Amino acid sequence: MRSAPVSGLLPLLLGLRLLLGGGAAAQYSSDLCNWKGSGLTHESHRKDVEQVYLRCSEGSIEWMYPTGALIVNLRPNISPASYKHLTVCIKPFKDSAGANIYLEKTGELKLLVRDGDRSPSRVYCFGYDQGGLFVEATPQQDISRKITGFQYELMSKGIAADLHTASAPCRPCSDTEVLLAVCTSDFVIRGSIQNVTNEAEEQESIIHVGVNKLYRQKSKVFQLTGESGNWRGQIKTLLECGVKPGDGDFLFTGRMHFGEARLGCAPRFKDFQRMYKEAKDKGLNPCEIGPD
């Protein structure tokens, strides 16, 4: 990312001192995970800088009629000493418009998301210690239809690297990786591939899964459908992985990311049974799951 020109931005940052020191009342959200505000509350002659404080590991920002700027302070309820191990990811809303999003640290600004960038499903990640989020409204003749918004997630650097390394979801997992995934993933199911929908624009594939056994799920991605009583759900992965419908059961594992199930390790179930039994016989399996 390149450094952004500071023209027009430094006055906003410097103006923050005046706001906090004795002037306009900053608006804060009562929700510790999500913030929703409006630029229409700003006086027309001011370029206000508004502070937003959020204390959750995931949530959203929705800024209607953006004017001035926001400084988004993400302060999760963990020890500050652990912050350096965190990665922050943001995913702009599909129709987000009206502001640029910067990474700010000690007065230096780096452009993260440009106003008008319509990259579908694009996720932007950075280390927590690289800086905070500075959202600046861009000059508009008509702000009436502008809403700047994004979701955010904080996660450990290891998880983030796995989710956003292009080759990671396509590479077959080793036995050790599969066994660890069973213990640490947000969802673990035995199921079959019913269908695959490819989304060329978003460079993703949606795997439609029929669930034969649900071992664990963090969110209700897999649910009972219809009167048949069958469990079904969807898992996303990269289009380049070339997933196709096929016979047989798989062990699907993965992470939740911005409300979606993302594929992790997915060996054929018979292969998982073999590796699980071998590890158990040697006393090396990291957790019990009952693979039958």
C-alpha atoms as a PDB file:
ATOM      1  CA  MET A   1       0.000   0.000   0.000  1.00  0.00           C
ATOM      2  CA  ARG A   2       1.285   3.430  -0.851  1.00  0.00           C
ATOM      3  CA  SER A   3       1.298   6.413   1.455  1.00  0.00           C
ATOM      4  CA  ALA A   4      -1.648   8.734   0.865  1.00  0.00           C
ATOM      5  CA  PRO A   5      -1.154  12.442   0.206  1.00  0.00           C
ATOM      6  CA  VAL A   6      -1.671  14.324   3.411  1.00  0.00           C
ATOM      7  CA  SER A   7      -3.329  17.371   1.867  1.00  0.00           C
ATOM      8  CA  GLY A   8      -6.672  17.856   3.591  1.00  0.00           C
ATOM      9  CA  LEU A   9      -6.050  14.990   6.006  1.00  0.00           C
ATOM     10  CA  LEU A  10      -3.646  16.513   8.489  1.00  0.00           C
ATOM     11  CA  PRO A  11      -6.066  19.344   9.321  1.00  0.00           C
ATOM     12  CA  LEU A  12      -8.631  16.688  10.199  1.00  0.00           C
ATOM     13  CA  LEU A  13      -6.211  14.835  12.444  1.00  0.00           C
ATOM     14  CA  LEU A  14      -5.102  18.044  14.108  1.00  0.00           C
ATOM     15  CA  GLY A  15      -8.693  19.147  14.484  1.00  0.00           C
ATOM     16  CA  LEU A  16      -9.329  16.079  16.595  1.00  0.00           C
ATOM     17  CA  ARG A  17      -7.440  17.719  19.453  1.00  0.00           C
ATOM     18  CA  LEU A  18      -9.858  20.630  19.380  1.00  0.00           C
ATOM     19  CA  LEU A  19     -12.857  18.356  19.337  1.00  0.00           C
ATOM     20  CA  LEU A  20     -11.684  16.337  22.293  1.00  0.00           C
ATOM     21  CA  GLY A  21     -10.389  19.326  24.163  1.00  0.00           C
ATOM     22  CA  GLY A  22     -13.369  21.548  24.273  1.00  0.00           C
ATOM     23  CA  GLY A  23     -15.814  21.569  21.553  1.00  0.00           C
ATOM     24  CA  ALA A  24     -18.263  19.453  19.755  1.00  0.00           C
ATOM     25  CA  ALA A  25     -19.688  16.452  21.495  1.00  0.00           C
ATOM     26  CA  ALA A  26     -18.506  13.280  19.800  1.00  0.00           C
ATOM     27  CA  GLN A  27     -21.167  10.623  19.231  1.00  0.00           C
ATOM     28  CA  TYR A  28     -20.569   7.116  20.488  1.00  0.00           C
ATOM     29  CA  SER A  29     -22.475   3.939  19.843  1.00  0.00           C
ATOM     30  CA  SER A  30     -24.097   2.190  22.781  1.00  0.00           C
ATOM     31  CA  ASP A  31     -23.458  -1.102  20.973  1.00  0.00           C
ATOM     32  CA  LEU A  32     -19.925  -2.287  21.746  1.00  0.00           C
ATOM     33  CA  CYS A  33     -19.714  -4.300  18.509  1.00  0.00           C
ATOM     34  CA  ASN A  34     -21.417  -2.141  15.892  1.00  0.00           C
ATOM     35  CA  TRP A  35     -21.618   1.576  15.149  1.00  0.00           C
ATOM     36  CA  LYS A  36     -24.150   3.390  13.013  1.00  0.00           C
ATOM     37  CA  GLY A  37     -24.041   7.147  12.570  1.00  0.00           C
ATOM     38  CA  SER A  38     -24.852  10.000  10.242  1.00  0.00           C
ATOM     39  CA  GLY A  39     -22.782  12.844   8.852  1.00  0.00           C
ATOM     40  CA  LEU A  40     -25.862  15.034   8.905  1.00  0.00           C
ATOM     41  CA  THR A  41     -25.288  15.651  12.610  1.00  0.00           C
ATOM     42  CA  HIS A  42     -22.145  17.646  11.750  1.00  0.00           C
ATOM     43  CA  GLU A  43     -22.377  21.387  11.322  1.00  0.00           C
ATOM     44  CA  SER A  44     -22.077  22.275   7.653  1.00  0.00           C
ATOM     45  CA  HIS A  45     -19.042  24.535   8.160  1.00  0.00           C
ATOM     46  CA  ARG A  46     -17.050  22.022  10.213  1.00  0.00           C
ATOM     47  CA  LYS A  47     -14.962  19.042   9.195  1.00  0.00           C
ATOM     48  CA  ASP A  48     -15.510  17.002  12.306  1.00  0.00           C
ATOM     49  CA  VAL A  49     -13.403  14.014  13.256  1.00  0.00           C
ATOM     50  CA  GLU A  50     -15.480  11.578  15.233  1.00  0.00           C
ATOM     51  CA  GLN A  51     -14.082   8.895  17.515  1.00  0.00           C
ATOM     52  CA  VAL A  52     -15.692   5.441  17.478  1.00  0.00           C
ATOM     53  CA  TYR A  53     -14.813   2.826  20.119  1.00  0.00           C
ATOM     54  CA  LEU A  54     -15.645  -0.854  19.638  1.00  0.00           C
ATOM     55  CA  ARG A  55     -14.700  -3.702  21.955  1.00  0.00           C
ATOM     56  CA  CYS A  56     -15.738  -6.870  20.109  1.00  0.00           C
ATOM     57  CA  SER A  57     -13.875  -9.285  17.887  1.00  0.00           C
ATOM     58  CA  GLU A  58     -16.362  -8.709  15.058  1.00  0.00           C
ATOM     59  CA  GLY A  59     -18.986  -6.195  14.070  1.00  0.00           C
ATOM     60  CA  SER A  60     -19.728  -3.449  11.575  1.00  0.00           C
ATOM     61  CA  ILE A  61     -19.541   0.267  10.817  1.00  0.00           C
ATOM     62  CA  GLU A  62     -22.330   2.009   8.896  1.00  0.00           C
ATOM     63  CA  TRP A  63     -21.844   5.723   8.204  1.00  0.00           C
ATOM     64  CA  MET A  64     -24.739   7.390   6.404  1.00  0.00           C
ATOM     65  CA  TYR A  65     -24.257  10.677   4.535  1.00  0.00           C
ATOM     66  CA  PRO A  66     -20.513  10.736   5.361  1.00  0.00           C
ATOM     67  CA  THR A  67     -18.914  14.122   6.056  1.00  0.00           C
ATOM     68  CA  GLY A  68     -15.674  14.835   7.900  1.00  0.00           C
ATOM     69  CA  ALA A  69     -13.949  11.708   9.197  1.00  0.00           C
ATOM     70  CA  LEU A  70     -14.107   8.805  11.616  1.00  0.00           C
ATOM     71  CA  ILE A  71     -11.331   7.292  13.691  1.00  0.00           C
ATOM     72  CA  VAL A  72     -12.288   3.697  14.465  1.00  0.00           C
ATOM     73  CA  ASN A  73     -10.706   2.363  17.664  1.00  0.00           C
ATOM     74  CA  LEU A  74     -10.885  -1.422  17.928  1.00  0.00           C
ATOM     75  CA  ARG A  75     -10.220  -2.413  21.536  1.00  0.00           C
ATOM     76  CA  PRO A  76     -11.109  -6.084  22.065  1.00  0.00           C
ATOM     77  CA  ASN A  77     -11.582  -7.376  25.591  1.00  0.00           C
ATOM     78  CA  ILE A  78      -8.241  -9.130  25.820  1.00  0.00           C
ATOM     79  CA  SER A  79      -4.927  -8.214  27.376  1.00  0.00           C
ATOM     80  CA  PRO A  80      -3.264  -5.337  25.459  1.00  0.00           C
ATOM     81  CA  ALA A  81      -0.127  -7.465  25.383  1.00  0.00           C
ATOM     82  CA  SER A  82      -1.977  -9.824  23.023  1.00  0.00           C
ATOM     83  CA  TYR A  83      -2.859  -7.120  20.493  1.00  0.00           C
ATOM     84  CA  LYS A  84       0.380  -7.685  18.590  1.00  0.00           C
ATOM     85  CA  HIS A  85      -0.772 -11.207  17.747  1.00  0.00           C
ATOM     86  CA  LEU A  86      -3.985 -10.000  16.091  1.00  0.00           C
ATOM     87  CA  THR A  87      -4.892  -9.411  12.475  1.00  0.00           C
ATOM     88  CA  VAL A  88      -7.703  -7.024  11.539  1.00  0.00           C
ATOM     89  CA  CYS A  89      -9.780  -7.753   8.425  1.00  0.00           C
ATOM     90  CA  ILE A  90     -12.450  -5.514   6.939  1.00  0.00           C
ATOM     91  CA  LYS A  91     -14.968  -6.282   4.209  1.00  0.00           C
ATOM     92  CA  PRO A  92     -16.700  -3.244   2.658  1.00  0.00           C
ATOM     93  CA  PHE A  93     -20.430  -3.461   2.034  1.00  0.00           C
ATOM     94  CA  LYS A  94     -21.293  -4.184  -1.589  1.00  0.00           C
ATOM     95  CA  ASP A  95     -22.572  -0.650  -2.243  1.00  0.00           C
ATOM     96  CA  SER A  96     -20.274   1.210   0.150  1.00  0.00           C
ATOM     97  CA  ALA A  97     -19.528   4.718  -1.149  1.00  0.00           C
ATOM     98  CA  GLY A  98     -18.677   8.214  -0.028  1.00  0.00           C
ATOM     99  CA  ALA A  99     -15.371   7.786   1.810  1.00  0.00           C
ATOM    100  CA  ASN A 100     -11.812   6.511   1.587  1.00  0.00           C
ATOM    101  CA  ILE A 101     -10.566   4.122   4.262  1.00  0.00           C
ATOM    102  CA  TYR A 102      -6.987   4.556   5.452  1.00  0.00           C
ATOM    103  CA  LEU A 103      -4.593   2.810   7.789  1.00  0.00           C
ATOM    104  CA  GLU A 104      -3.247   5.437  10.186  1.00  0.00           C
ATOM    105  CA  LYS A 105      -0.249   5.234  12.482  1.00  0.00           C
ATOM    106  CA  THR A 106       1.483   8.205  14.144  1.00  0.00           C
ATOM    107  CA  GLY A 107       0.080  10.614  11.587  1.00  0.00           C
ATOM    108  CA  GLU A 108       1.037   8.607   8.497  1.00  0.00           C
ATOM    109  CA  LEU A 109      -1.828   7.526   6.276  1.00  0.00           C
ATOM    110  CA  LYS A 110      -1.868   4.606   3.851  1.00  0.00           C
ATOM    111  CA  LEU A 111      -4.805   4.084   1.520  1.00  0.00           C
ATOM    112  CA  LEU A 112      -6.598   0.827   2.235  1.00  0.00           C
ATOM    113  CA  VAL A 113      -9.906   1.121   0.341  1.00  0.00           C
ATOM    114  CA  ARG A 114     -10.530   3.809  -2.249  1.00  0.00           C
ATOM    115  CA  ASP A 115     -13.998   5.328  -2.547  1.00  0.00           C
ATOM    116  CA  GLY A 116     -15.768   3.657  -5.453  1.00  0.00           C
ATOM    117  CA  ASP A 117     -13.736   0.434  -5.357  1.00  0.00           C
ATOM    118  CA  ARG A 118     -16.292  -2.173  -6.340  1.00  0.00           C
ATOM    119  CA  SER A 119     -14.143  -5.281  -5.968  1.00  0.00           C
ATOM    120  CA  PRO A 120     -16.755  -7.904  -5.033  1.00  0.00           C
ATOM    121  CA  SER A 121     -16.141  -9.808  -1.822  1.00  0.00           C
ATOM    122  CA  ARG A 122     -12.768  -8.120  -1.386  1.00  0.00           C
ATOM    123  CA  VAL A 123     -11.325  -8.455   2.105  1.00  0.00           C
ATOM    124  CA  TYR A 124      -8.512  -6.213   3.374  1.00  0.00           C
ATOM    125  CA  CYS A 125      -6.329  -7.430   6.241  1.00  0.00           C
ATOM    126  CA  PHE A 126      -3.492  -5.907   8.249  1.00  0.00           C
ATOM    127  CA  GLY A 127      -1.671  -6.499  11.501  1.00  0.00           C
ATOM    128  CA  TYR A 128      -3.243  -4.807  14.521  1.00  0.00           C
ATOM    129  CA  ASP A 129       0.076  -3.138  15.306  1.00  0.00           C
ATOM    130  CA  GLN A 130       0.249  -1.606  11.794  1.00  0.00           C
ATOM    131  CA  GLY A 131      -2.216   1.101  12.773  1.00  0.00           C
ATOM    132  CA  GLY A 132      -5.865   2.027  13.155  1.00  0.00           C
ATOM    133  CA  LEU A 133      -8.679   2.815  10.741  1.00  0.00           C
ATOM    134  CA  PHE A 134      -9.191   6.387   9.551  1.00  0.00           C
ATOM    135  CA  VAL A 135     -12.277   6.880   7.371  1.00  0.00           C
ATOM    136  CA  GLU A 136     -12.468  10.191   5.492  1.00  0.00           C
ATOM    137  CA  ALA A 137     -15.481  11.359   3.523  1.00  0.00           C
ATOM    138  CA  THR A 138     -14.725  12.354  -0.064  1.00  0.00           C
ATOM    139  CA  PRO A 139     -16.108  15.594  -1.545  1.00  0.00           C
ATOM    140  CA  GLN A 140     -19.616  14.985  -2.880  1.00  0.00           C
ATOM    141  CA  GLN A 141     -22.151  17.224  -4.566  1.00  0.00           C
ATOM    142  CA  ASP A 142     -24.933  14.974  -3.324  1.00  0.00           C
ATOM    143  CA  ILE A 143     -24.441  12.890  -0.190  1.00  0.00           C
ATOM    144  CA  SER A 144     -28.076  11.846   0.094  1.00  0.00           C
ATOM    145  CA  ARG A 145     -27.487   8.356  -1.255  1.00  0.00           C
ATOM    146  CA  LYS A 146     -24.033   7.700   0.134  1.00  0.00           C
ATOM    147  CA  ILE A 147     -23.442   5.097   2.830  1.00  0.00           C
ATOM    148  CA  THR A 148     -19.948   3.987   3.795  1.00  0.00           C
ATOM    149  CA  GLY A 149     -19.968   0.666   5.569  1.00  0.00           C
ATOM    150  CA  PHE A 150     -17.883  -2.384   6.312  1.00  0.00           C
ATOM    151  CA  GLN A 151     -17.702  -5.430   8.523  1.00  0.00           C
ATOM    152  CA  TYR A 152     -14.627  -6.051  10.643  1.00  0.00           C
ATOM    153  CA  GLU A 153     -13.112  -9.114  12.280  1.00  0.00           C
ATOM    154  CA  LEU A 154     -10.151  -9.564  14.606  1.00  0.00           C
ATOM    155  CA  MET A 155      -8.416 -12.922  14.648  1.00  0.00           C
ATOM    156  CA  SER A 156      -5.098 -14.494  15.468  1.00  0.00           C
ATOM    157  CA  LYS A 157      -2.430 -14.021  12.817  1.00  0.00           C
ATOM    158  CA  GLY A 158      -2.219 -17.771  12.181  1.00  0.00           C
ATOM    159  CA  ILE A 159      -5.905 -18.081  11.325  1.00  0.00           C
ATOM    160  CA  ALA A 160      -5.829 -14.999   9.123  1.00  0.00           C
ATOM    161  CA  ALA A 161      -2.805 -16.226   7.197  1.00  0.00           C
ATOM    162  CA  ASP A 162      -4.555 -19.532   6.515  1.00  0.00           C
ATOM    163  CA  LEU A 163      -7.731 -17.805   5.300  1.00  0.00           C
ATOM    164  CA  HIS A 164      -5.977 -15.363   2.996  1.00  0.00           C
ATOM    165  CA  THR A 165      -3.099 -17.348   1.544  1.00  0.00           C
ATOM    166  CA  ALA A 166      -4.280 -17.972  -1.982  1.00  0.00           C
ATOM    167  CA  SER A 167      -2.943 -21.516  -2.225  1.00  0.00           C
ATOM    168  CA  ALA A 168      -3.896 -22.667   1.263  1.00  0.00           C
ATOM    169  CA  PRO A 169      -7.521 -23.697   0.614  1.00  0.00           C
ATOM    170  CA  CYS A 170      -6.513 -25.705  -2.494  1.00  0.00           C
ATOM    171  CA  ARG A 171      -3.522 -27.573  -1.121  1.00  0.00           C
ATOM    172  CA  PRO A 172      -4.320 -31.041   0.297  1.00  0.00           C
ATOM    173  CA  CYS A 173      -3.805 -31.128   4.053  1.00  0.00           C
ATOM    174  CA  SER A 174      -1.321 -33.457   5.692  1.00  0.00           C
ATOM    175  CA  ASP A 175      -2.528 -35.991   8.269  1.00  0.00           C
ATOM    176  CA  THR A 176      -1.335 -33.750  11.084  1.00  0.00           C
ATOM    177  CA  GLU A 177      -3.126 -30.726   9.641  1.00  0.00           C
ATOM    178  CA  VAL A 178      -6.374 -32.674   9.307  1.00  0.00           C
ATOM    179  CA  LEU A 179      -6.243 -33.910  12.902  1.00  0.00           C
ATOM    180  CA  LEU A 180      -5.549 -30.407  14.195  1.00  0.00           C
ATOM    181  CA  ALA A 181      -8.313 -28.963  12.021  1.00  0.00           C
ATOM    182  CA  VAL A 182     -10.793 -31.382  13.565  1.00  0.00           C
ATOM    183  CA  CYS A 183      -9.948 -29.969  16.998  1.00  0.00           C
ATOM    184  CA  THR A 184      -9.750 -26.260  16.174  1.00  0.00           C
ATOM    185  CA  SER A 185     -12.134 -25.556  13.275  1.00  0.00           C
ATOM    186  CA  ASP A 186     -15.357 -23.592  13.609  1.00  0.00           C
ATOM    187  CA  PHE A 187     -17.242 -26.395  11.906  1.00  0.00           C
ATOM    188  CA  VAL A 188     -16.597 -30.115  11.435  1.00  0.00           C
ATOM    189  CA  ILE A 189     -19.060 -32.259   9.465  1.00  0.00           C
ATOM    190  CA  ARG A 190     -19.262 -35.487   7.549  1.00  0.00           C
ATOM    191  CA  GLY A 191     -21.074 -34.930   4.284  1.00  0.00           C
ATOM    192  CA  SER A 192     -21.251 -35.154   0.523  1.00  0.00           C
ATOM    193  CA  ILE A 193     -21.071 -32.588  -2.263  1.00  0.00           C
ATOM    194  CA  GLN A 194     -24.579 -32.156  -3.679  1.00  0.00           C
ATOM    195  CA  ASN A 195     -23.728 -29.374  -6.103  1.00  0.00           C
ATOM    196  CA  VAL A 196     -21.170 -26.647  -6.798  1.00  0.00           C
ATOM    197  CA  THR A 197     -22.040 -23.110  -7.911  1.00  0.00           C
ATOM    198  CA  ASN A 198     -19.188 -21.130  -9.455  1.00  0.00           C
ATOM    199  CA  GLU A 199     -19.225 -17.338  -9.138  1.00  0.00           C
ATOM    200  CA  ALA A 200     -16.771 -16.059 -11.744  1.00  0.00           C
ATOM    201  CA  GLU A 201     -17.112 -12.400 -10.769  1.00  0.00           C
ATOM    202  CA  GLU A 202     -16.211 -13.084  -7.153  1.00  0.00           C
ATOM    203  CA  GLN A 203     -13.707 -15.838  -8.047  1.00  0.00           C
ATOM    204  CA  GLU A 204     -15.373 -18.191  -5.581  1.00  0.00           C
ATOM    205  CA  SER A 205     -17.163 -21.517  -5.559  1.00  0.00           C
ATOM    206  CA  ILE A 206     -20.104 -22.362  -3.318  1.00  0.00           C
ATOM    207  CA  ILE A 207     -20.174 -25.995  -2.253  1.00  0.00           C
ATOM    208  CA  HIS A 208     -23.690 -27.226  -1.470  1.00  0.00           C
ATOM    209  CA  VAL A 209     -23.249 -29.889   1.170  1.00  0.00           C
ATOM    210  CA  GLY A 210     -25.555 -32.626   2.363  1.00  0.00           C
ATOM    211  CA  VAL A 211     -24.676 -33.379   5.997  1.00  0.00           C
ATOM    212  CA  ASN A 212     -24.579 -36.948   7.236  1.00  0.00           C
ATOM    213  CA  LYS A 213     -23.148 -36.128  10.662  1.00  0.00           C
ATOM    214  CA  LEU A 214     -22.626 -32.809  12.385  1.00  0.00           C
ATOM    215  CA  TYR A 215     -19.720 -32.902  14.833  1.00  0.00           C
ATOM    216  CA  ARG A 216     -19.481 -29.186  15.563  1.00  0.00           C
ATOM    217  CA  GLN A 217     -20.511 -25.790  14.226  1.00  0.00           C
ATOM    218  CA  LYS A 218     -19.904 -22.336  15.655  1.00  0.00           C
ATOM    219  CA  SER A 219     -22.762 -20.705  13.744  1.00  0.00           C
ATOM    220  CA  LYS A 220     -25.953 -22.168  12.328  1.00  0.00           C
ATOM    221  CA  VAL A 221     -24.635 -22.566   8.809  1.00  0.00           C
ATOM    222  CA  PHE A 222     -25.836 -26.160   8.560  1.00  0.00           C
ATOM    223  CA  GLN A 223     -29.531 -26.564   9.274  1.00  0.00           C
ATOM    224  CA  LEU A 224     -32.408 -28.986   8.943  1.00  0.00           C
ATOM    225  CA  THR A 225     -34.337 -28.362   5.749  1.00  0.00           C
ATOM    226  CA  GLY A 226     -37.897 -29.276   4.805  1.00  0.00           C
ATOM    227  CA  GLU A 227     -39.896 -32.223   5.984  1.00  0.00           C
ATOM    228  CA  SER A 228     -37.185 -34.694   5.014  1.00  0.00           C
ATOM    229  CA  GLY A 229     -35.185 -33.780   8.090  1.00  0.00           C
ATOM    230  CA  ASN A 230     -31.927 -33.582   6.156  1.00  0.00           C
ATOM    231  CA  TRP A 231     -29.155 -31.243   7.238  1.00  0.00           C
ATOM    232  CA  ARG A 232     -27.721 -28.989   4.529  1.00  0.00           C
ATOM    233  CA  GLY A 233     -25.433 -26.002   4.219  1.00  0.00           C
ATOM    234  CA  GLN A 234     -23.014 -24.085   2.025  1.00  0.00           C
ATOM    235  CA  ILE A 235     -19.229 -23.747   2.192  1.00  0.00           C
ATOM    236  CA  LYS A 236     -17.204 -21.264   0.145  1.00  0.00           C
ATOM    237  CA  THR A 237     -13.766 -21.731  -1.339  1.00  0.00           C
ATOM    238  CA  LEU A 238     -11.660 -20.256  -4.146  1.00  0.00           C
ATOM    239  CA  LEU A 239     -12.791 -20.836  -7.717  1.00  0.00           C
ATOM    240  CA  GLU A 240      -9.247 -21.853  -8.641  1.00  0.00           C
ATOM    241  CA  CYS A 241      -9.541 -24.908  -6.398  1.00  0.00           C
ATOM    242  CA  GLY A 242     -11.799 -26.489  -9.058  1.00  0.00           C
ATOM    243  CA  VAL A 243     -14.207 -28.242  -6.684  1.00  0.00           C
ATOM    244  CA  LYS A 244     -16.696 -30.501  -8.496  1.00  0.00           C
ATOM    245  CA  PRO A 245     -19.647 -32.647  -7.384  1.00  0.00           C
ATOM    246  CA  GLY A 246     -18.737 -36.262  -6.785  1.00  0.00           C
ATOM    247  CA  ASP A 247     -19.605 -39.466  -4.996  1.00  0.00           C
ATOM    248  CA  GLY A 248     -18.568 -40.387  -1.487  1.00  0.00           C
ATOM    249  CA  ASP A 249     -18.364 -38.681   1.877  1.00  0.00           C
ATOM    250  CA  PHE A 250     -15.844 -36.081   2.967  1.00  0.00           C
ATOM    251  CA  LEU A 251     -14.866 -34.635   6.329  1.00  0.00           C
ATOM    252  CA  PHE A 252     -15.396 -30.895   5.890  1.00  0.00           C
ATOM    253  CA  THR A 253     -13.637 -28.523   8.275  1.00  0.00           C
ATOM    254  CA  GLY A 254     -13.158 -24.783   8.153  1.00  0.00           C
ATOM    255  CA  ARG A 255     -13.592 -21.319   9.621  1.00  0.00           C
ATOM    256  CA  MET A 256     -16.374 -18.783   9.816  1.00  0.00           C
ATOM    257  CA  HIS A 257     -15.348 -15.542   8.117  1.00  0.00           C
ATOM    258  CA  PHE A 258     -17.723 -12.583   7.874  1.00  0.00           C
ATOM    259  CA  GLY A 259     -20.669 -14.867   8.483  1.00  0.00           C
ATOM    260  CA  GLU A 260     -19.687 -17.387   5.824  1.00  0.00           C
ATOM    261  CA  ALA A 261     -18.272 -20.890   6.128  1.00  0.00           C
ATOM    262  CA  ARG A 262     -14.831 -21.054   4.472  1.00  0.00           C
ATOM    263  CA  LEU A 263     -13.353 -24.414   3.528  1.00  0.00           C
ATOM    264  CA  GLY A 264     -10.302 -25.678   5.381  1.00  0.00           C
ATOM    265  CA  CYS A 265      -9.190 -29.309   5.271  1.00  0.00           C
ATOM    266  CA  ALA A 266     -11.573 -31.681   3.488  1.00  0.00           C
ATOM    267  CA  PRO A 267     -10.198 -35.223   3.135  1.00  0.00           C
ATOM    268  CA  ARG A 268     -12.322 -38.126   1.989  1.00  0.00           C
ATOM    269  CA  PHE A 269     -13.965 -39.564   5.056  1.00  0.00           C
ATOM    270  CA  LYS A 270     -12.392 -42.985   4.653  1.00  0.00           C
ATOM    271  CA  ASP A 271      -8.962 -41.332   4.635  1.00  0.00           C
ATOM    272  CA  PHE A 272      -9.823 -39.409   7.791  1.00  0.00           C
ATOM    273  CA  GLN A 273     -10.900 -42.643   9.501  1.00  0.00           C
ATOM    274  CA  ARG A 274      -7.546 -44.185   8.651  1.00  0.00           C
ATOM    275  CA  MET A 275      -5.436 -41.270   9.912  1.00  0.00           C
ATOM    276  CA  TYR A 276      -7.564 -40.881  13.050  1.00  0.00           C
ATOM    277  CA  LYS A 277      -7.208 -44.581  13.925  1.00  0.00           C
ATOM    278  CA  GLU A 278      -3.456 -44.554  13.309  1.00  0.00           C
ATOM    279  CA  ALA A 279      -2.995 -41.508  15.546  1.00  0.00           C
ATOM    280  CA  LYS A 280      -5.242 -42.939  18.256  1.00  0.00           C
ATOM    281  CA  ASP A 281      -3.387 -46.259  18.288  1.00  0.00           C
ATOM    282  CA  LYS A 282      -0.166 -44.316  18.870  1.00  0.00           C
ATOM    283  CA  GLY A 283      -1.762 -41.995  21.430  1.00  0.00           C
ATOM    284  CA  LEU A 284      -1.087 -38.999  19.180  1.00  0.00           C
ATOM    285  CA  ASN A 285      -4.573 -37.779  18.289  1.00  0.00           C
ATOM    286  CA  PRO A 286      -4.943 -34.218  19.672  1.00  0.00           C
ATOM    287  CA  CYS A 287      -8.627 -34.611  20.521  1.00  0.00           C
ATOM    288  CA  GLU A 288     -11.462 -37.149  20.556  1.00  0.00           C
ATOM    289  CA  ILE A 289     -14.188 -36.901  17.935  1.00  0.00           C
ATOM    290  CA  GLY A 290     -15.596 -40.378  17.313  1.00  0.00           C
ATOM    291  CA  PRO A 291     -15.090 -40.759  13.569  1.00  0.00           C
ATOM    292  CA  ASP A 292     -17.632 -43.543  12.939  1.00  0.00           C
END
